[in-house]
């Protein structure tokens, strides 16, 4: 069974069979405003937990997307190059950024479940 997890930097991930799909939360896309450009990592790139994996630019700002876990990039969401607004319209679905083959599954343990993340976001406002 796959469970969604969140980082304090507002990335989400879904883990399935050693591969994680990574995107940003609805809260994060709301803070960014309209996304106009996404820079995705190269397939084969290795990133460590907490390192920059992608960049998103909105009408308000540019922001790094950090890897909530370390691993090798095995897939990127090419749809975002043609339609970066998917990050706004479907942040937890079609607006995902990249997939990693995870290096260390124990890194998942430091991430929040959905309830904990919602409480975390509530404290930010």
N, C-alpha and C. Protein backbone atom coordinates (compact mmCIF):
# COMPACT_ATOMS: atom_id res chain seq x y z
N UNK A 1 0.84 -1.19 0.00
CA UNK A 1 0.00 0.00 0.00
C UNK A 1 0.88 1.26 0.00
N UNK A 2 0.53 2.22 -0.79
CA UNK A 2 1.31 3.45 -0.87
C UNK A 2 0.66 4.50 0.03
N UNK A 3 1.51 5.20 0.75
CA UNK A 3 1.04 6.28 1.62
C UNK A 3 1.76 7.56 1.23
N UNK A 4 1.01 8.64 1.21
CA UNK A 4 1.63 9.93 0.90
C UNK A 4 2.36 10.44 2.14
N UNK A 5 3.52 11.02 1.92
CA UNK A 5 4.33 11.61 2.98
C UNK A 5 4.70 13.03 2.57
N UNK A 6 4.98 13.88 3.57
CA UNK A 6 5.30 15.28 3.31
C UNK A 6 6.56 15.69 4.06
N UNK A 7 7.28 16.64 3.46
CA UNK A 7 8.45 17.24 4.12
C UNK A 7 8.07 18.61 4.67
N UNK A 8 8.91 19.14 5.55
CA UNK A 8 8.67 20.48 6.08
C UNK A 8 8.87 21.55 5.01
N UNK A 9 9.51 21.19 3.90
CA UNK A 9 9.70 22.12 2.78
C UNK A 9 8.53 22.05 1.80
N UNK A 10 7.49 21.28 2.15
CA UNK A 10 6.23 21.20 1.39
C UNK A 10 6.30 20.33 0.14
N UNK A 11 7.28 19.43 0.09
CA UNK A 11 7.25 18.41 -0.96
C UNK A 11 6.43 17.23 -0.45
N UNK A 12 5.81 16.52 -1.38
CA UNK A 12 5.14 15.27 -1.04
C UNK A 12 5.83 14.14 -1.80
N UNK A 13 5.64 12.94 -1.32
CA UNK A 13 6.11 11.79 -2.06
C UNK A 13 5.19 10.61 -1.83
N UNK A 14 5.14 9.77 -2.83
CA UNK A 14 4.46 8.48 -2.75
C UNK A 14 5.50 7.42 -3.06
N UNK A 15 5.65 6.45 -2.15
CA UNK A 15 6.61 5.37 -2.34
C UNK A 15 5.89 4.12 -2.82
N UNK A 16 6.48 3.46 -3.80
CA UNK A 16 5.92 2.20 -4.30
C UNK A 16 7.06 1.37 -4.90
N UNK A 17 7.30 0.22 -4.32
CA UNK A 17 8.32 -0.71 -4.83
C UNK A 17 9.69 -0.07 -5.00
N UNK A 18 10.13 0.71 -4.01
CA UNK A 18 11.47 1.28 -4.05
C UNK A 18 11.61 2.53 -4.90
N UNK A 19 10.51 3.00 -5.49
CA UNK A 19 10.53 4.22 -6.30
C UNK A 19 9.57 5.22 -5.66
N UNK A 20 10.01 6.48 -5.56
CA UNK A 20 9.16 7.52 -5.00
C UNK A 20 8.84 8.56 -6.06
N UNK A 21 7.59 8.99 -6.09
CA UNK A 21 7.15 10.08 -6.94
C UNK A 21 7.11 11.33 -6.08
N UNK A 22 7.66 12.44 -6.58
CA UNK A 22 7.82 13.66 -5.78
C UNK A 22 7.15 14.84 -6.46
N UNK A 23 6.43 15.63 -5.65
CA UNK A 23 5.80 16.85 -6.12
C UNK A 23 5.72 17.84 -4.97
N UNK A 24 4.98 18.92 -5.16
CA UNK A 24 4.79 19.88 -4.07
C UNK A 24 3.33 19.87 -3.62
N UNK A 25 3.13 20.26 -2.38
CA UNK A 25 1.80 20.21 -1.79
C UNK A 25 0.89 21.30 -2.35
N UNK A 26 -0.38 21.14 -2.09
CA UNK A 26 -1.36 22.14 -2.48
C UNK A 26 -1.05 23.47 -1.79
N UNK A 27 -0.63 23.40 -0.54
CA UNK A 27 -0.24 24.60 0.20
C UNK A 27 0.90 25.32 -0.54
N UNK A 28 1.92 24.56 -0.95
CA UNK A 28 3.08 25.15 -1.62
C UNK A 28 2.70 25.81 -2.94
N UNK A 29 1.88 25.12 -3.74
CA UNK A 29 1.52 25.72 -5.02
C UNK A 29 0.68 26.98 -4.81
N UNK A 30 -0.12 27.00 -3.75
CA UNK A 30 -0.91 28.18 -3.43
C UNK A 30 -0.04 29.36 -3.04
N UNK A 31 1.04 29.07 -2.30
CA UNK A 31 1.98 30.12 -1.90
C UNK A 31 2.76 30.66 -3.09
N UNK A 32 3.07 29.78 -4.04
CA UNK A 32 3.83 30.19 -5.22
C UNK A 32 3.01 31.06 -6.17
N UNK A 33 1.75 30.76 -6.31
CA UNK A 33 0.95 31.42 -7.33
C UNK A 33 1.09 30.67 -8.64
N UNK A 34 0.71 31.32 -9.74
CA UNK A 34 0.69 30.66 -11.04
C UNK A 34 2.10 30.24 -11.48
N UNK A 35 2.29 28.93 -11.66
CA UNK A 35 3.57 28.38 -12.09
C UNK A 35 3.70 28.59 -13.60
N UNK A 36 4.85 29.17 -14.01
CA UNK A 36 5.06 29.47 -15.42
C UNK A 36 6.21 28.68 -16.05
N UNK A 37 7.05 28.05 -15.22
CA UNK A 37 8.20 27.31 -15.75
C UNK A 37 8.67 26.30 -14.71
N UNK A 38 9.07 25.13 -15.20
CA UNK A 38 9.62 24.09 -14.33
C UNK A 38 10.90 23.58 -14.96
N UNK A 39 11.97 23.51 -14.16
CA UNK A 39 13.23 22.91 -14.60
C UNK A 39 13.38 21.57 -13.90
N UNK A 40 13.39 20.51 -14.69
CA UNK A 40 13.44 19.16 -14.14
C UNK A 40 14.87 18.63 -14.15
N UNK A 41 15.18 17.67 -13.27
CA UNK A 41 16.53 17.09 -13.25
C UNK A 41 16.72 16.14 -14.42
N UNK A 42 17.97 15.81 -14.69
CA UNK A 42 18.28 14.84 -15.73
C UNK A 42 18.07 13.42 -15.19
N UNK A 43 17.56 12.55 -16.04
CA UNK A 43 17.44 11.14 -15.65
C UNK A 43 18.85 10.60 -15.43
N UNK A 44 19.01 9.85 -14.35
CA UNK A 44 20.31 9.31 -13.98
C UNK A 44 21.02 10.13 -12.92
N UNK A 45 20.55 11.35 -12.67
CA UNK A 45 21.15 12.21 -11.66
C UNK A 45 20.91 11.62 -10.28
N UNK A 46 21.92 11.65 -9.43
CA UNK A 46 21.77 11.22 -8.04
C UNK A 46 21.63 12.44 -7.16
N UNK A 47 20.64 12.41 -6.28
CA UNK A 47 20.45 13.50 -5.32
C UNK A 47 20.39 12.90 -3.91
N UNK A 48 20.93 13.65 -2.98
CA UNK A 48 20.86 13.26 -1.58
C UNK A 48 19.63 13.88 -0.94
N UNK A 49 19.20 13.31 0.17
CA UNK A 49 18.07 13.85 0.89
C UNK A 49 18.34 15.32 1.22
N UNK A 50 17.37 16.18 0.90
CA UNK A 50 17.49 17.60 1.18
C UNK A 50 18.15 18.42 0.09
N UNK A 51 18.69 17.77 -0.93
CA UNK A 51 19.31 18.50 -2.05
C UNK A 51 18.27 18.93 -3.07
N UNK A 52 18.62 19.95 -3.84
CA UNK A 52 17.73 20.44 -4.90
C UNK A 52 17.55 19.36 -5.96
N UNK A 53 16.27 19.13 -6.30
CA UNK A 53 15.98 18.18 -7.36
C UNK A 53 15.42 18.85 -8.60
N UNK A 54 14.69 19.94 -8.40
CA UNK A 54 14.07 20.65 -9.53
C UNK A 54 13.92 22.12 -9.13
N UNK A 55 13.51 22.93 -10.10
CA UNK A 55 13.25 24.35 -9.85
C UNK A 55 11.89 24.68 -10.44
N UNK A 56 11.14 25.48 -9.71
CA UNK A 56 9.84 25.92 -10.21
C UNK A 56 9.82 27.45 -10.17
N UNK A 57 9.34 28.05 -11.25
CA UNK A 57 9.21 29.50 -11.30
C UNK A 57 7.75 29.86 -11.44
N UNK A 58 7.34 30.84 -10.64
CA UNK A 58 5.96 31.30 -10.70
C UNK A 58 5.96 32.80 -10.97
N UNK A 59 4.77 33.37 -11.06
CA UNK A 59 4.67 34.80 -11.26
C UNK A 59 5.22 35.55 -10.05
N UNK A 60 5.30 34.89 -8.89
CA UNK A 60 5.79 35.53 -7.68
C UNK A 60 7.28 35.32 -7.43
N UNK A 61 7.79 34.11 -7.70
CA UNK A 61 9.16 33.79 -7.29
C UNK A 61 9.65 32.51 -7.96
N UNK A 62 10.95 32.29 -7.86
CA UNK A 62 11.54 31.00 -8.23
C UNK A 62 11.82 30.25 -6.93
N UNK A 63 11.66 28.95 -6.97
CA UNK A 63 11.83 28.16 -5.76
C UNK A 63 12.43 26.81 -6.10
N UNK A 64 13.29 26.31 -5.22
CA UNK A 64 13.85 24.98 -5.40
C UNK A 64 12.87 23.94 -4.88
N UNK A 65 12.89 22.80 -5.55
CA UNK A 65 12.15 21.62 -5.09
C UNK A 65 13.21 20.66 -4.56
N UNK A 66 13.13 20.35 -3.29
CA UNK A 66 14.14 19.51 -2.65
C UNK A 66 13.72 18.05 -2.65
N UNK A 67 14.70 17.18 -2.68
CA UNK A 67 14.43 15.75 -2.62
C UNK A 67 14.19 15.36 -1.16
N UNK A 68 12.97 14.90 -0.83
CA UNK A 68 12.70 14.51 0.56
C UNK A 68 13.46 13.25 0.98
N UNK A 69 13.94 12.49 -0.01
CA UNK A 69 14.79 11.32 0.22
C UNK A 69 15.85 11.31 -0.88
N UNK A 70 16.90 10.58 -0.64
CA UNK A 70 17.96 10.48 -1.64
C UNK A 70 17.70 9.35 -2.61
N UNK A 71 18.23 9.52 -3.83
CA UNK A 71 18.10 8.45 -4.81
C UNK A 71 18.51 8.90 -6.20
N UNK A 72 18.27 8.02 -7.15
CA UNK A 72 18.61 8.28 -8.55
C UNK A 72 17.34 8.64 -9.31
N UNK A 73 17.39 9.72 -10.09
CA UNK A 73 16.25 10.13 -10.90
C UNK A 73 16.03 9.08 -11.99
N UNK A 74 14.83 8.49 -11.99
CA UNK A 74 14.51 7.46 -12.98
C UNK A 74 13.44 7.91 -13.97
N UNK A 75 12.74 9.01 -13.64
CA UNK A 75 11.71 9.51 -14.56
C UNK A 75 11.43 10.97 -14.20
N UNK A 76 11.09 11.76 -15.21
CA UNK A 76 10.65 13.14 -14.99
C UNK A 76 9.31 13.34 -15.68
N UNK A 77 8.57 14.32 -15.21
CA UNK A 77 7.24 14.59 -15.77
C UNK A 77 7.38 15.59 -16.91
N UNK A 78 7.59 15.06 -18.12
CA UNK A 78 7.77 15.91 -19.30
C UNK A 78 6.57 16.80 -19.59
N UNK A 79 5.38 16.41 -19.11
CA UNK A 79 4.18 17.23 -19.34
C UNK A 79 4.35 18.64 -18.78
N UNK A 80 5.17 18.77 -17.73
CA UNK A 80 5.34 20.08 -17.09
C UNK A 80 6.07 21.08 -17.97
N UNK A 81 6.87 20.57 -18.91
CA UNK A 81 7.59 21.48 -19.80
C UNK A 81 6.61 22.22 -20.71
N UNK A 82 5.57 21.51 -21.17
CA UNK A 82 4.56 22.12 -22.04
C UNK A 82 3.46 22.80 -21.26
N UNK A 83 3.16 22.29 -20.06
CA UNK A 83 2.05 22.80 -19.27
C UNK A 83 2.41 22.88 -17.79
N UNK A 84 3.25 23.87 -17.41
CA UNK A 84 3.66 23.98 -16.00
C UNK A 84 2.49 24.27 -15.06
N UNK A 85 1.35 24.72 -15.61
CA UNK A 85 0.20 25.01 -14.76
C UNK A 85 -0.39 23.76 -14.12
N UNK A 86 0.03 22.56 -14.56
CA UNK A 86 -0.41 21.32 -13.91
C UNK A 86 -0.01 21.31 -12.43
N UNK A 87 1.08 21.99 -12.11
CA UNK A 87 1.51 22.08 -10.71
C UNK A 87 0.43 22.77 -9.88
N UNK A 88 -0.23 23.76 -10.45
CA UNK A 88 -1.31 24.47 -9.76
C UNK A 88 -2.62 23.70 -9.79
N UNK A 89 -2.97 23.16 -10.95
CA UNK A 89 -4.29 22.55 -11.10
C UNK A 89 -4.39 21.17 -10.48
N UNK A 90 -3.27 20.43 -10.39
CA UNK A 90 -3.30 19.07 -9.85
C UNK A 90 -1.99 18.75 -9.16
N UNK A 91 -1.66 19.48 -8.07
CA UNK A 91 -0.34 19.32 -7.44
C UNK A 91 -0.07 17.92 -6.89
N UNK A 92 -1.11 17.21 -6.47
CA UNK A 92 -0.92 15.88 -5.90
C UNK A 92 -1.17 14.76 -6.91
N UNK A 93 -1.29 15.14 -8.18
CA UNK A 93 -1.55 14.15 -9.24
C UNK A 93 -0.66 14.41 -10.44
N UNK A 94 -1.27 14.94 -11.51
CA UNK A 94 -0.55 15.17 -12.77
C UNK A 94 0.57 16.21 -12.65
N UNK A 95 0.61 16.96 -11.57
CA UNK A 95 1.63 17.98 -11.39
C UNK A 95 2.89 17.51 -10.68
N UNK A 96 3.12 16.19 -10.62
CA UNK A 96 4.34 15.67 -10.00
C UNK A 96 5.57 16.10 -10.81
N UNK A 97 6.75 16.09 -10.16
CA UNK A 97 7.97 16.57 -10.81
C UNK A 97 8.88 15.44 -11.32
N UNK A 98 9.29 14.55 -10.41
CA UNK A 98 10.23 13.50 -10.80
C UNK A 98 10.07 12.28 -9.90
N UNK A 99 10.66 11.18 -10.36
CA UNK A 99 10.64 9.93 -9.59
C UNK A 99 12.08 9.52 -9.30
N UNK A 100 12.28 9.03 -8.09
CA UNK A 100 13.60 8.57 -7.66
C UNK A 100 13.55 7.10 -7.30
N UNK A 101 14.61 6.39 -7.65
CA UNK A 101 14.84 5.06 -7.09
C UNK A 101 15.53 5.33 -5.76
N UNK A 102 14.83 5.03 -4.68
CA UNK A 102 15.27 5.44 -3.35
C UNK A 102 16.52 4.67 -2.91
N UNK A 103 17.45 5.39 -2.27
CA UNK A 103 18.68 4.78 -1.78
C UNK A 103 18.50 4.13 -0.42
N UNK A 104 17.74 4.79 0.46
CA UNK A 104 17.65 4.34 1.85
C UNK A 104 16.22 4.53 2.34
N UNK A 105 15.48 3.45 2.43
CA UNK A 105 14.06 3.54 2.80
C UNK A 105 13.85 4.13 4.19
N UNK A 106 14.86 4.07 5.05
CA UNK A 106 14.69 4.63 6.40
C UNK A 106 14.54 6.15 6.37
N UNK A 107 14.95 6.80 5.26
CA UNK A 107 14.76 8.25 5.13
C UNK A 107 13.29 8.63 5.10
N UNK A 108 12.44 7.69 4.73
CA UNK A 108 10.99 7.94 4.73
C UNK A 108 10.47 8.19 6.14
N UNK A 109 11.16 7.65 7.15
CA UNK A 109 10.69 7.72 8.54
C UNK A 109 10.64 9.14 9.09
N UNK A 110 11.42 10.06 8.54
CA UNK A 110 11.45 11.43 9.08
C UNK A 110 10.36 12.31 8.46
N UNK A 111 9.64 11.78 7.48
CA UNK A 111 8.61 12.57 6.81
C UNK A 111 7.27 12.46 7.53
N UNK A 112 6.42 13.46 7.33
CA UNK A 112 5.14 13.52 8.01
C UNK A 112 4.05 12.80 7.21
N UNK A 113 3.10 12.21 7.94
CA UNK A 113 1.92 11.70 7.26
C UNK A 113 1.00 12.89 6.97
N UNK A 114 -0.10 12.65 6.27
CA UNK A 114 -0.95 13.75 5.83
C UNK A 114 -1.52 14.55 7.00
N UNK A 115 -1.98 13.85 8.06
CA UNK A 115 -2.55 14.55 9.22
C UNK A 115 -1.52 15.45 9.90
N UNK A 116 -0.31 14.92 10.09
CA UNK A 116 0.75 15.71 10.73
C UNK A 116 1.12 16.91 9.86
N UNK A 117 1.14 16.72 8.54
CA UNK A 117 1.47 17.82 7.64
C UNK A 117 0.40 18.91 7.70
N UNK A 118 -0.85 18.52 7.70
CA UNK A 118 -1.93 19.51 7.76
C UNK A 118 -1.86 20.32 9.06
N UNK A 119 -1.51 19.66 10.17
CA UNK A 119 -1.32 20.36 11.43
C UNK A 119 -0.13 21.32 11.33
N UNK A 120 0.95 20.88 10.70
CA UNK A 120 2.14 21.71 10.50
C UNK A 120 1.80 22.96 9.71
N UNK A 121 1.06 22.82 8.62
CA UNK A 121 0.68 23.96 7.77
C UNK A 121 -0.22 24.91 8.54
N UNK A 122 -1.12 24.36 9.34
CA UNK A 122 -2.03 25.19 10.12
C UNK A 122 -1.25 26.10 11.09
N UNK A 123 -0.17 25.59 11.64
CA UNK A 123 0.65 26.37 12.56
C UNK A 123 1.41 27.47 11.84
N UNK A 124 1.59 27.35 10.52
CA UNK A 124 2.32 28.37 9.77
C UNK A 124 1.49 29.62 9.51
N UNK A 125 0.16 29.48 9.56
CA UNK A 125 -0.66 30.65 9.22
C UNK A 125 -0.95 31.51 10.42
